[in-house]
Amino acid sequence: MSVGSGAGESQAQNGGRSFAGNLAFGAGLLIVLATMTLGGYAGVGLALGLADDSFLSSAVPDDGRNAVVVGGIGGGGIVGLMLPLILFAAVRGTEEKPRLGPGEALLKMLGAVGVGVYLLVVSLVAAQLGWILPKNLTTLLSVFVVGFSWMPLALIPWERLGLGGMAGLIDVSRDRGGSDKQNGSDKSE
């Protein structure tokens, strides 16, 4: 054992974060949580406005009103979560993952808003159960309908449509070197 490998060794030398990095991460996390929460509240306000004061008010039964609120929470929360992540990716980049350009960031923002609108439309469809089911059962079913409605979107091959960049926001650690280097062989030999 060397003399410097004790408990007093700096975490920065071991690849850990510095105090400033931890502080920046905490501030970013608070910003994302705050925008997600505020987005959820804004989504509820929008959904209640659609259910009560718009041309859709006659299409939403009284027992289906909570289903629209569930969709507003989901849609607003998704938009509130994704917008700061997209903005962070537009101003910060690394060698492996360069920052987003303005066009790509705008496309991803529109995609996040599109998913929010999709959840709101799904909740309006789930609200139609209020014509035949009681309020509590309609609310319970709408949580499952809105919560699992993203699954068909996940099955679409977005890469073939030229829209494969949305998955790159939350980058999962992957080996980009290829499988030949993992097996110990090198193609240059």
N, C-alpha and C. Protein backbone atom coordinates (compact mmCIF):
# COMPACT_ATOMS: atom_id res chain seq x y z
N MET A 1 0.83 -1.19 0.00
CA MET A 1 0.00 0.00 0.00
C MET A 1 0.86 1.24 0.00
N SER A 2 0.44 2.20 -0.74
CA SER A 2 1.19 3.45 -0.76
C SER A 2 0.72 4.35 0.36
N VAL A 3 1.53 5.36 0.64
CA VAL A 3 1.22 6.26 1.74
C VAL A 3 -0.01 7.09 1.44
N GLY A 4 -0.22 7.49 0.20
CA GLY A 4 -1.31 8.40 -0.16
C GLY A 4 -2.65 7.71 -0.36
N SER A 5 -2.76 6.41 -0.17
CA SER A 5 -4.02 5.74 -0.47
C SER A 5 -4.88 5.53 0.76
N GLY A 6 -4.86 6.44 1.67
CA GLY A 6 -5.67 6.31 2.88
C GLY A 6 -7.02 6.97 2.72
N ALA A 7 -7.69 7.16 3.85
CA ALA A 7 -9.03 7.74 3.85
C ALA A 7 -8.99 9.22 3.53
N GLY A 8 -7.82 9.86 3.69
CA GLY A 8 -7.73 11.28 3.44
C GLY A 8 -7.53 11.64 1.99
N GLU A 9 -7.46 10.69 1.09
CA GLU A 9 -7.23 10.96 -0.33
C GLU A 9 -8.44 11.67 -0.92
N SER A 10 -8.18 12.58 -1.79
CA SER A 10 -9.23 13.40 -2.39
C SER A 10 -10.16 12.55 -3.25
N GLN A 11 -11.46 12.89 -3.19
CA GLN A 11 -12.44 12.18 -4.01
C GLN A 11 -12.28 12.55 -5.47
N ALA A 12 -11.76 13.73 -5.74
CA ALA A 12 -11.60 14.16 -7.13
C ALA A 12 -10.58 13.30 -7.86
N GLN A 13 -9.59 12.78 -7.14
CA GLN A 13 -8.61 11.93 -7.77
C GLN A 13 -9.18 10.56 -8.11
N ASN A 14 -10.20 10.13 -7.40
CA ASN A 14 -10.84 8.84 -7.65
C ASN A 14 -11.94 8.92 -8.68
N GLY A 15 -12.14 10.06 -9.29
CA GLY A 15 -13.19 10.18 -10.30
C GLY A 15 -14.52 10.64 -9.73
N GLY A 16 -14.57 11.00 -8.45
CA GLY A 16 -15.81 11.48 -7.85
C GLY A 16 -16.04 12.95 -8.19
N ARG A 17 -17.17 13.48 -7.81
CA ARG A 17 -17.50 14.87 -8.08
C ARG A 17 -16.87 15.77 -7.04
N SER A 18 -16.60 16.99 -7.46
CA SER A 18 -16.11 17.99 -6.53
C SER A 18 -17.31 18.60 -5.80
N PHE A 19 -17.01 19.45 -4.83
CA PHE A 19 -18.09 20.11 -4.09
C PHE A 19 -18.89 21.01 -5.02
N ALA A 20 -18.22 21.73 -5.90
CA ALA A 20 -18.92 22.60 -6.85
C ALA A 20 -19.77 21.79 -7.81
N GLY A 21 -19.27 20.61 -8.24
CA GLY A 21 -20.06 19.75 -9.11
C GLY A 21 -21.30 19.23 -8.41
N ASN A 22 -21.16 18.86 -7.13
CA ASN A 22 -22.32 18.40 -6.36
C ASN A 22 -23.33 19.53 -6.18
N LEU A 23 -22.82 20.74 -5.94
CA LEU A 23 -23.71 21.89 -5.77
C LEU A 23 -24.45 22.20 -7.07
N ALA A 24 -23.75 22.14 -8.20
CA ALA A 24 -24.40 22.38 -9.49
C ALA A 24 -25.43 21.29 -9.80
N PHE A 25 -25.10 20.04 -9.49
CA PHE A 25 -26.05 18.95 -9.71
C PHE A 25 -27.30 19.14 -8.86
N GLY A 26 -27.12 19.50 -7.60
CA GLY A 26 -28.26 19.74 -6.71
C GLY A 26 -29.14 20.89 -7.18
N ALA A 27 -28.50 21.97 -7.64
CA ALA A 27 -29.27 23.11 -8.16
C ALA A 27 -30.04 22.71 -9.42
N GLY A 28 -29.39 21.96 -10.30
CA GLY A 28 -30.08 21.50 -11.51
C GLY A 28 -31.25 20.58 -11.19
N LEU A 29 -31.05 19.70 -10.22
CA LEU A 29 -32.12 18.79 -9.81
C LEU A 29 -33.30 19.56 -9.23
N LEU A 30 -33.02 20.58 -8.42
CA LEU A 30 -34.10 21.40 -7.86
C LEU A 30 -34.85 22.16 -8.96
N ILE A 31 -34.12 22.64 -9.96
CA ILE A 31 -34.77 23.35 -11.07
C ILE A 31 -35.69 22.41 -11.84
N VAL A 32 -35.20 21.20 -12.12
CA VAL A 32 -36.01 20.24 -12.87
C VAL A 32 -37.25 19.83 -12.07
N LEU A 33 -37.08 19.56 -10.77
CA LEU A 33 -38.23 19.19 -9.95
C LEU A 33 -39.23 20.34 -9.85
N ALA A 34 -38.73 21.57 -9.74
CA ALA A 34 -39.64 22.72 -9.66
C ALA A 34 -40.41 22.91 -10.95
N THR A 35 -39.72 22.80 -12.10
CA THR A 35 -40.43 22.99 -13.37
C THR A 35 -41.40 21.84 -13.64
N MET A 36 -41.05 20.64 -13.19
CA MET A 36 -41.98 19.52 -13.36
C MET A 36 -43.24 19.73 -12.51
N THR A 37 -43.06 20.19 -11.29
CA THR A 37 -44.21 20.45 -10.41
C THR A 37 -45.07 21.60 -10.95
N LEU A 38 -44.41 22.68 -11.35
CA LEU A 38 -45.16 23.81 -11.89
C LEU A 38 -45.84 23.43 -13.21
N GLY A 39 -45.18 22.59 -14.01
CA GLY A 39 -45.81 22.11 -15.24
C GLY A 39 -47.05 21.28 -14.95
N GLY A 40 -46.99 20.45 -13.90
CA GLY A 40 -48.16 19.67 -13.50
C GLY A 40 -49.33 20.57 -13.09
N TYR A 41 -49.02 21.62 -12.31
CA TYR A 41 -50.08 22.55 -11.91
C TYR A 41 -50.63 23.32 -13.12
N ALA A 42 -49.76 23.72 -14.02
CA ALA A 42 -50.23 24.42 -15.22
C ALA A 42 -51.07 23.50 -16.09
N GLY A 43 -50.67 22.22 -16.17
CA GLY A 43 -51.46 21.25 -16.93
C GLY A 43 -52.83 21.04 -16.33
N VAL A 44 -52.92 21.02 -15.01
CA VAL A 44 -54.22 20.88 -14.35
C VAL A 44 -55.09 22.10 -14.64
N GLY A 45 -54.49 23.29 -14.58
CA GLY A 45 -55.24 24.50 -14.88
C GLY A 45 -55.76 24.50 -16.31
N LEU A 46 -54.91 24.08 -17.24
CA LEU A 46 -55.33 23.99 -18.64
C LEU A 46 -56.42 22.94 -18.83
N ALA A 47 -56.25 21.79 -18.19
CA ALA A 47 -57.23 20.71 -18.34
C ALA A 47 -58.58 21.11 -17.75
N LEU A 48 -58.57 21.75 -16.59
CA LEU A 48 -59.84 22.19 -16.00
C LEU A 48 -60.50 23.27 -16.85
N GLY A 49 -59.70 24.12 -17.45
CA GLY A 49 -60.26 25.12 -18.36
C GLY A 49 -60.90 24.47 -19.57
N LEU A 50 -60.25 23.42 -20.09
CA LEU A 50 -60.85 22.69 -21.22
C LEU A 50 -62.13 21.98 -20.82
N ALA A 51 -62.14 21.42 -19.61
CA ALA A 51 -63.31 20.65 -19.17
C ALA A 51 -64.48 21.53 -18.75
N ASP A 52 -64.20 22.76 -18.29
CA ASP A 52 -65.27 23.59 -17.74
C ASP A 52 -65.68 24.76 -18.63
N ASP A 53 -64.71 25.42 -19.26
CA ASP A 53 -65.02 26.70 -19.90
C ASP A 53 -64.78 26.73 -21.40
N SER A 54 -64.62 25.60 -22.04
CA SER A 54 -64.33 25.62 -23.48
C SER A 54 -65.42 24.89 -24.24
N PHE A 55 -65.19 24.76 -25.54
CA PHE A 55 -66.14 24.04 -26.38
C PHE A 55 -66.19 22.56 -26.03
N LEU A 56 -65.20 22.04 -25.30
CA LEU A 56 -65.19 20.64 -24.89
C LEU A 56 -66.00 20.37 -23.62
N SER A 57 -66.50 21.42 -22.98
CA SER A 57 -67.20 21.22 -21.71
C SER A 57 -68.45 20.35 -21.86
N SER A 58 -69.11 20.39 -23.00
CA SER A 58 -70.28 19.54 -23.19
C SER A 58 -69.89 18.09 -23.46
N ALA A 59 -68.64 17.85 -23.89
CA ALA A 59 -68.20 16.49 -24.19
C ALA A 59 -67.62 15.78 -22.97
N VAL A 60 -67.36 16.53 -21.89
CA VAL A 60 -66.78 15.92 -20.68
C VAL A 60 -67.89 15.80 -19.64
N PRO A 61 -68.26 14.58 -19.28
CA PRO A 61 -69.31 14.42 -18.26
C PRO A 61 -68.78 14.82 -16.88
N ASP A 62 -69.70 15.09 -15.96
CA ASP A 62 -69.29 15.48 -14.61
C ASP A 62 -68.48 14.39 -13.93
N ASP A 63 -68.82 13.13 -14.16
CA ASP A 63 -68.09 12.04 -13.54
C ASP A 63 -66.76 11.75 -14.24
N GLY A 64 -66.48 12.40 -15.37
CA GLY A 64 -65.22 12.20 -16.08
C GLY A 64 -64.27 13.38 -15.96
N ARG A 65 -64.66 14.36 -15.15
CA ARG A 65 -63.83 15.57 -15.00
C ARG A 65 -62.46 15.26 -14.40
N ASN A 66 -62.41 14.35 -13.44
CA ASN A 66 -61.13 13.99 -12.82
C ASN A 66 -60.19 13.29 -13.80
N ALA A 67 -60.74 12.61 -14.78
CA ALA A 67 -59.89 11.96 -15.79
C ALA A 67 -59.13 13.01 -16.59
N VAL A 68 -59.78 14.12 -16.87
CA VAL A 68 -59.11 15.20 -17.59
C VAL A 68 -58.02 15.82 -16.73
N VAL A 69 -58.25 15.90 -15.43
CA VAL A 69 -57.24 16.42 -14.50
C VAL A 69 -56.02 15.50 -14.47
N VAL A 70 -56.24 14.20 -14.50
CA VAL A 70 -55.13 13.24 -14.52
C VAL A 70 -54.28 13.45 -15.78
N GLY A 71 -54.92 13.65 -16.92
CA GLY A 71 -54.19 13.92 -18.15
C GLY A 71 -53.43 15.24 -18.09
N GLY A 72 -54.02 16.24 -17.44
CA GLY A 72 -53.33 17.52 -17.28
C GLY A 72 -52.09 17.39 -16.41
N ILE A 73 -52.18 16.59 -15.36
CA ILE A 73 -51.01 16.37 -14.50
C ILE A 73 -49.90 15.67 -15.30
N GLY A 74 -50.28 14.62 -16.04
CA GLY A 74 -49.28 13.88 -16.82
C GLY A 74 -48.66 14.72 -17.91
N GLY A 75 -49.48 15.40 -18.69
CA GLY A 75 -48.97 16.22 -19.79
C GLY A 75 -48.11 17.37 -19.31
N GLY A 76 -48.59 18.09 -18.30
CA GLY A 76 -47.82 19.22 -17.77
C GLY A 76 -46.55 18.77 -17.08
N GLY A 77 -46.61 17.64 -16.39
CA GLY A 77 -45.41 17.13 -15.73
C GLY A 77 -44.34 16.71 -16.72
N ILE A 78 -44.74 16.07 -17.82
CA ILE A 78 -43.78 15.65 -18.85
C ILE A 78 -43.14 16.87 -19.51
N VAL A 79 -43.94 17.86 -19.86
CA VAL A 79 -43.40 19.06 -20.49
C VAL A 79 -42.49 19.80 -19.50
N GLY A 80 -42.92 19.90 -18.24
CA GLY A 80 -42.10 20.57 -17.24
C GLY A 80 -40.81 19.83 -16.93
N LEU A 81 -40.80 18.52 -17.09
CA LEU A 81 -39.58 17.74 -16.88
C LEU A 81 -38.63 17.87 -18.06
N MET A 82 -39.15 17.78 -19.27
CA MET A 82 -38.30 17.72 -20.45
C MET A 82 -37.72 19.07 -20.87
N LEU A 83 -38.45 20.16 -20.71
CA LEU A 83 -37.95 21.45 -21.18
C LEU A 83 -36.63 21.87 -20.52
N PRO A 84 -36.47 21.79 -19.19
CA PRO A 84 -35.15 22.15 -18.65
C PRO A 84 -34.06 21.17 -19.04
N LEU A 85 -34.39 19.89 -19.20
CA LEU A 85 -33.38 18.94 -19.66
C LEU A 85 -32.90 19.27 -21.07
N ILE A 86 -33.83 19.67 -21.93
CA ILE A 86 -33.46 20.06 -23.29
C ILE A 86 -32.62 21.32 -23.27
N LEU A 87 -33.00 22.28 -22.44
CA LEU A 87 -32.21 23.52 -22.35
C LEU A 87 -30.82 23.26 -21.79
N PHE A 88 -30.71 22.37 -20.79
CA PHE A 88 -29.38 22.01 -20.27
C PHE A 88 -28.54 21.35 -21.36
N ALA A 89 -29.15 20.48 -22.17
CA ALA A 89 -28.42 19.81 -23.24
C ALA A 89 -28.04 20.79 -24.35
N ALA A 90 -28.77 21.90 -24.47
CA ALA A 90 -28.45 22.89 -25.50
C ALA A 90 -27.28 23.78 -25.10
N VAL A 91 -27.01 23.91 -23.81
CA VAL A 91 -25.91 24.78 -23.38
C VAL A 91 -24.70 24.02 -22.87
N ARG A 92 -24.84 22.74 -22.63
CA ARG A 92 -23.74 21.96 -22.09
C ARG A 92 -23.51 20.74 -22.96
N GLY A 93 -22.27 20.46 -23.26
CA GLY A 93 -21.93 19.30 -24.05
C GLY A 93 -20.57 18.75 -23.68
N THR A 94 -20.28 17.55 -24.11
CA THR A 94 -18.99 16.92 -23.89
C THR A 94 -18.45 16.46 -25.23
N GLU A 95 -17.27 15.86 -25.22
CA GLU A 95 -16.70 15.33 -26.45
C GLU A 95 -17.53 14.17 -26.99
N GLU A 96 -18.02 13.30 -26.09
CA GLU A 96 -18.82 12.15 -26.52
C GLU A 96 -20.21 12.56 -26.94
N LYS A 97 -20.75 13.58 -26.30
CA LYS A 97 -22.12 14.00 -26.58
C LYS A 97 -22.14 15.52 -26.73
N PRO A 98 -22.02 16.01 -27.96
CA PRO A 98 -21.99 17.47 -28.15
C PRO A 98 -23.32 18.10 -27.81
N ARG A 99 -23.26 19.39 -27.54
CA ARG A 99 -24.51 20.09 -27.18
C ARG A 99 -25.44 20.17 -28.37
N LEU A 100 -26.73 20.37 -28.05
CA LEU A 100 -27.75 20.43 -29.09
C LEU A 100 -27.70 21.76 -29.83
N GLY A 101 -27.96 21.71 -31.11
CA GLY A 101 -28.10 22.92 -31.89
C GLY A 101 -29.49 23.51 -31.68
N PRO A 102 -29.70 24.75 -32.10
CA PRO A 102 -31.01 25.39 -31.90
C PRO A 102 -32.15 24.65 -32.59
N GLY A 103 -31.92 24.17 -33.80
CA GLY A 103 -32.98 23.45 -34.52
C GLY A 103 -33.34 22.14 -33.85
N GLU A 104 -32.33 21.39 -33.42
CA GLU A 104 -32.58 20.11 -32.76
C GLU A 104 -33.26 20.32 -31.41
N ALA A 105 -32.83 21.38 -30.68
CA ALA A 105 -33.46 21.66 -29.38
C ALA A 105 -34.93 22.05 -29.57
N LEU A 106 -35.21 22.84 -30.59
CA LEU A 106 -36.60 23.23 -30.86
C LEU A 106 -37.45 22.02 -31.23
N LEU A 107 -36.88 21.13 -32.05
CA LEU A 107 -37.60 19.91 -32.44
C LEU A 107 -37.91 19.04 -31.21
N LYS A 108 -36.95 18.93 -30.31
CA LYS A 108 -37.18 18.13 -29.10
C LYS A 108 -38.21 18.79 -28.18
N MET A 109 -38.18 20.13 -28.10
CA MET A 109 -39.19 20.83 -27.30
C MET A 109 -40.59 20.62 -27.87
N LEU A 110 -40.70 20.70 -29.19
CA LEU A 110 -42.00 20.45 -29.82
C LEU A 110 -42.44 19.01 -29.61
N GLY A 111 -41.49 18.08 -29.61
CA GLY A 111 -41.82 16.69 -29.33
C GLY A 111 -42.34 16.50 -27.91
N ALA A 112 -41.72 17.19 -26.94
CA ALA A 112 -42.18 17.09 -25.55
C ALA A 112 -43.58 17.68 -25.40
N VAL A 113 -43.83 18.81 -26.06
CA VAL A 113 -45.17 19.41 -26.02
C VAL A 113 -46.17 18.48 -26.71
N GLY A 114 -45.74 17.84 -27.79
CA GLY A 114 -46.61 16.89 -28.49
C GLY A 114 -47.01 15.71 -27.61
N VAL A 115 -46.07 15.19 -26.83
CA VAL A 115 -46.40 14.10 -25.90
C VAL A 115 -47.37 14.59 -24.84
N GLY A 116 -47.20 15.82 -24.36
CA GLY A 116 -48.14 16.38 -23.38
C GLY A 116 -49.54 16.51 -23.95
N VAL A 117 -49.64 16.97 -25.19
CA VAL A 117 -50.95 17.08 -25.85
C VAL A 117 -51.56 15.70 -26.05
N TYR A 118 -50.71 14.73 -26.42
CA TYR A 118 -51.18 13.35 -26.60
C TYR A 118 -51.79 12.81 -25.30
N LEU A 119 -51.14 13.06 -24.17
CA LEU A 119 -51.68 12.60 -22.88
C LEU A 119 -52.99 13.29 -22.55
N LEU A 120 -53.11 14.56 -22.91
CA LEU A 120 -54.36 15.27 -22.66
C LEU A 120 -55.49 14.72 -23.52
N VAL A 121 -55.19 14.37 -24.78
CA VAL A 121 -56.22 13.79 -25.65
C VAL A 121 -56.63 12.41 -25.13
N VAL A 122 -55.65 11.61 -24.66
CA VAL A 122 -55.98 10.30 -24.09
C VAL A 122 -56.86 10.47 -22.86
N SER A 123 -56.60 11.49 -22.06
CA SER A 123 -57.44 11.70 -20.88
C SER A 123 -58.85 12.12 -21.26
N LEU A 124 -59.00 12.88 -22.36
CA LEU A 124 -60.35 13.23 -22.82
C LEU A 124 -61.11 12.00 -23.28
N VAL A 125 -60.40 11.06 -23.88
CA VAL A 125 -61.05 9.80 -24.28
C VAL A 125 -61.42 9.01 -23.03
N ALA A 126 -60.53 8.95 -22.03
CA ALA A 126 -60.83 8.23 -20.79
C ALA A 126 -61.98 8.89 -20.02
N ALA A 127 -62.13 10.19 -20.18
CA ALA A 127 -63.22 10.89 -19.49
C ALA A 127 -64.59 10.43 -19.98
N GLN A 128 -64.65 9.88 -21.18
CA GLN A 128 -65.93 9.41 -21.71
C GLN A 128 -66.49 8.24 -20.92
N LEU A 129 -65.62 7.57 -20.14
CA LEU A 129 -66.13 6.51 -19.26
C LEU A 129 -67.06 7.07 -18.19
N GLY A 130 -66.98 8.37 -17.94
CA GLY A 130 -67.84 9.00 -16.95
C GLY A 130 -69.32 8.99 -17.31
N TRP A 131 -69.64 8.72 -18.57
CA TRP A 131 -71.05 8.61 -18.96
C TRP A 131 -71.67 7.34 -18.41
N ILE A 132 -70.85 6.29 -18.20
CA ILE A 132 -71.41 5.00 -17.78
C ILE A 132 -70.90 4.52 -16.43
N LEU A 133 -69.79 5.06 -15.94
CA LEU A 133 -69.21 4.62 -14.67
C LEU A 133 -69.26 5.73 -13.64
N PRO A 134 -69.24 5.38 -12.35
CA PRO A 134 -69.21 6.42 -11.32
C PRO A 134 -67.86 7.16 -11.32
N LYS A 135 -67.85 8.29 -10.64
CA LYS A 135 -66.70 9.20 -10.65
C LYS A 135 -65.42 8.53 -10.16
N ASN A 136 -65.47 7.83 -9.04
CA ASN A 136 -64.26 7.23 -8.46
C ASN A 136 -63.67 6.15 -9.37
N LEU A 137 -64.52 5.33 -9.96
CA LEU A 137 -64.04 4.28 -10.86
C LEU A 137 -63.47 4.88 -12.15
N THR A 138 -64.09 5.94 -12.65
CA THR A 138 -63.57 6.62 -13.84
C THR A 138 -62.20 7.22 -13.55
N THR A 139 -62.03 7.81 -12.38
CA THR A 139 -60.73 8.39 -12.01
C THR A 139 -59.67 7.31 -11.90
N LEU A 140 -60.01 6.19 -11.27
CA LEU A 140 -59.05 5.09 -11.12
C LEU A 140 -58.64 4.53 -12.49
N LEU A 141 -59.59 4.31 -13.36
CA LEU A 141 -59.27 3.79 -14.69
C LEU A 141 -58.48 4.79 -15.53
N SER A 142 -58.76 6.07 -15.34
CA SER A 142 -58.03 7.08 -16.13
C SER A 142 -56.56 7.15 -15.72
N VAL A 143 -56.25 6.87 -14.46
CA VAL A 143 -54.84 6.83 -14.04
C VAL A 143 -54.09 5.75 -14.80
N PHE A 144 -54.70 4.58 -14.95
CA PHE A 144 -54.06 3.50 -15.70
C PHE A 144 -54.00 3.81 -17.19
N VAL A 145 -55.08 4.36 -17.73
CA VAL A 145 -55.12 4.65 -19.17
C VAL A 145 -54.08 5.70 -19.53
N VAL A 146 -54.02 6.80 -18.78
CA VAL A 146 -53.05 7.86 -19.06
C VAL A 146 -51.64 7.39 -18.72
N GLY A 147 -51.49 6.65 -17.63
CA GLY A 147 -50.17 6.19 -17.22
C GLY A 147 -49.52 5.22 -18.18
N PHE A 148 -50.30 4.38 -18.81
CA PHE A 148 -49.75 3.39 -19.74
C PHE A 148 -49.91 3.77 -21.20
N SER A 149 -50.44 4.94 -21.48
CA SER A 149 -50.68 5.33 -22.88
C SER A 149 -49.40 5.62 -23.64
N TRP A 150 -48.29 5.80 -22.95
CA TRP A 150 -47.03 6.06 -23.64
C TRP A 150 -46.44 4.79 -24.25
N MET A 151 -46.91 3.62 -23.86
CA MET A 151 -46.32 2.38 -24.37
C MET A 151 -46.42 2.24 -25.89
N PRO A 152 -47.54 2.56 -26.52
CA PRO A 152 -47.53 2.50 -28.00
C PRO A 152 -46.52 3.47 -28.61
N LEU A 153 -46.30 4.61 -27.98
CA LEU A 153 -45.29 5.54 -28.49
C LEU A 153 -43.90 4.97 -28.40
N ALA A 154 -43.64 4.15 -27.37
CA ALA A 154 -42.31 3.55 -27.20
C ALA A 154 -42.05 2.45 -28.22
N LEU A 155 -43.10 1.88 -28.79
CA LEU A 155 -42.93 0.79 -29.75
C LEU A 155 -42.74 1.27 -31.19
N ILE A 156 -42.98 2.54 -31.45
CA ILE A 156 -42.82 3.07 -32.80
C ILE A 156 -41.32 3.18 -33.11
N PRO A 157 -40.87 2.71 -34.27
CA PRO A 157 -39.44 2.83 -34.63
C PRO A 157 -39.11 4.26 -35.07
N TRP A 158 -38.86 5.15 -34.12
CA TRP A 158 -38.64 6.56 -34.40
C TRP A 158 -37.40 6.79 -35.27
N GLU A 159 -36.40 5.90 -35.18
CA GLU A 159 -35.19 6.06 -35.96
C GLU A 159 -35.48 5.96 -37.46
N ARG A 160 -36.39 5.07 -37.82
CA ARG A 160 -36.74 4.92 -39.24
C ARG A 160 -37.50 6.11 -39.78
N LEU A 161 -38.14 6.85 -38.89
CA LEU A 161 -38.87 8.05 -39.29
C LEU A 161 -38.00 9.30 -39.23
N GLY A 162 -36.73 9.13 -38.84
CA GLY A 162 -35.82 10.27 -38.74
C GLY A 162 -35.95 11.05 -37.46
N LEU A 163 -36.60 10.49 -36.45
CA LEU A 163 -36.81 11.18 -35.18
C LEU A 163 -36.19 10.43 -34.01
N GLY A 164 -35.04 9.82 -34.20
CA GLY A 164 -34.44 9.00 -33.16
C GLY A 164 -33.69 9.77 -32.10
N GLY A 165 -33.62 11.10 -32.18
CA GLY A 165 -32.82 11.88 -31.25
C GLY A 165 -33.44 12.08 -29.88
N MET A 166 -34.73 11.80 -29.70
CA MET A 166 -35.37 12.06 -28.40
C MET A 166 -34.81 11.16 -27.31
N ALA A 167 -34.40 9.96 -27.65
CA ALA A 167 -33.89 9.05 -26.64
C ALA A 167 -32.51 9.47 -26.16
N GLY A 168 -31.82 10.34 -26.87
CA GLY A 168 -30.48 10.74 -26.51
C GLY A 168 -30.39 11.76 -25.40
N LEU A 169 -31.51 12.28 -24.91
CA LEU A 169 -31.45 13.26 -23.83
C LEU A 169 -30.99 12.62 -22.53
N ILE A 170 -31.53 11.49 -22.20
CA ILE A 170 -31.13 10.79 -21.00
C ILE A 170 -30.24 9.66 -21.45
N ASP A 171 -28.95 9.94 -21.48
CA ASP A 171 -27.98 9.01 -22.07
C ASP A 171 -27.63 7.92 -21.07
N VAL A 172 -27.87 6.70 -21.46
CA VAL A 172 -27.50 5.56 -20.64
C VAL A 172 -26.06 5.23 -20.98
N SER A 173 -25.26 4.92 -19.98
CA SER A 173 -23.85 4.62 -20.20
C SER A 173 -23.73 3.36 -21.04
N ARG A 174 -23.13 3.52 -22.23
CA ARG A 174 -22.95 2.40 -23.15
C ARG A 174 -21.52 2.39 -23.65
N ASP A 175 -21.08 1.21 -24.05
CA ASP A 175 -19.78 1.09 -24.68
C ASP A 175 -19.93 1.45 -26.14
N ARG A 176 -19.22 2.47 -26.58
CA ARG A 176 -19.31 2.93 -27.96
C ARG A 176 -18.16 2.38 -28.79
N GLY A 177 -17.32 1.54 -28.18
CA GLY A 177 -16.16 1.04 -28.89
C GLY A 177 -16.44 -0.13 -29.80
N GLY A 178 -17.52 -0.81 -29.63
CA GLY A 178 -17.86 -1.96 -30.46
C GLY A 178 -17.57 -3.26 -29.73
N SER A 179 -18.10 -4.33 -30.25
CA SER A 179 -17.99 -5.62 -29.57
C SER A 179 -16.64 -6.28 -29.80
N ASP A 180 -15.88 -5.85 -30.84
CA ASP A 180 -14.59 -6.47 -31.10
C ASP A 180 -13.59 -6.15 -30.00
N LYS A 181 -13.66 -4.95 -29.44
CA LYS A 181 -12.73 -4.59 -28.38
C LYS A 181 -13.09 -5.29 -27.07
N GLN A 182 -14.38 -5.61 -26.89
CA GLN A 182 -14.78 -6.31 -25.68
C GLN A 182 -14.24 -7.74 -25.68
N ASN A 183 -14.16 -8.36 -26.82
CA ASN A 183 -13.68 -9.75 -26.91
C ASN A 183 -12.18 -9.85 -26.87
N GLY A 184 -11.49 -8.72 -26.83
CA GLY A 184 -10.05 -8.75 -26.76
C GLY A 184 -9.38 -8.76 -28.12
N SER A 185 -10.12 -8.82 -29.19
CA SER A 185 -9.51 -8.81 -30.51
C SER A 185 -9.57 -7.40 -31.08
N ASP A 186 -8.66 -7.11 -31.96
CA ASP A 186 -8.63 -5.79 -32.58
C ASP A 186 -8.61 -5.99 -34.09
N LYS A 187 -9.37 -5.20 -34.82
CA LYS A 187 -9.47 -5.40 -36.27
C LYS A 187 -8.17 -5.01 -36.99
N SER A 188 -7.34 -4.19 -36.33
CA SER A 188 -6.13 -3.77 -37.00
C SER A 188 -5.08 -4.84 -37.03
N GLU A 189 -5.23 -5.91 -36.28
CA GLU A 189 -4.22 -6.98 -36.26
C GLU A 189 -4.26 -7.81 -37.49
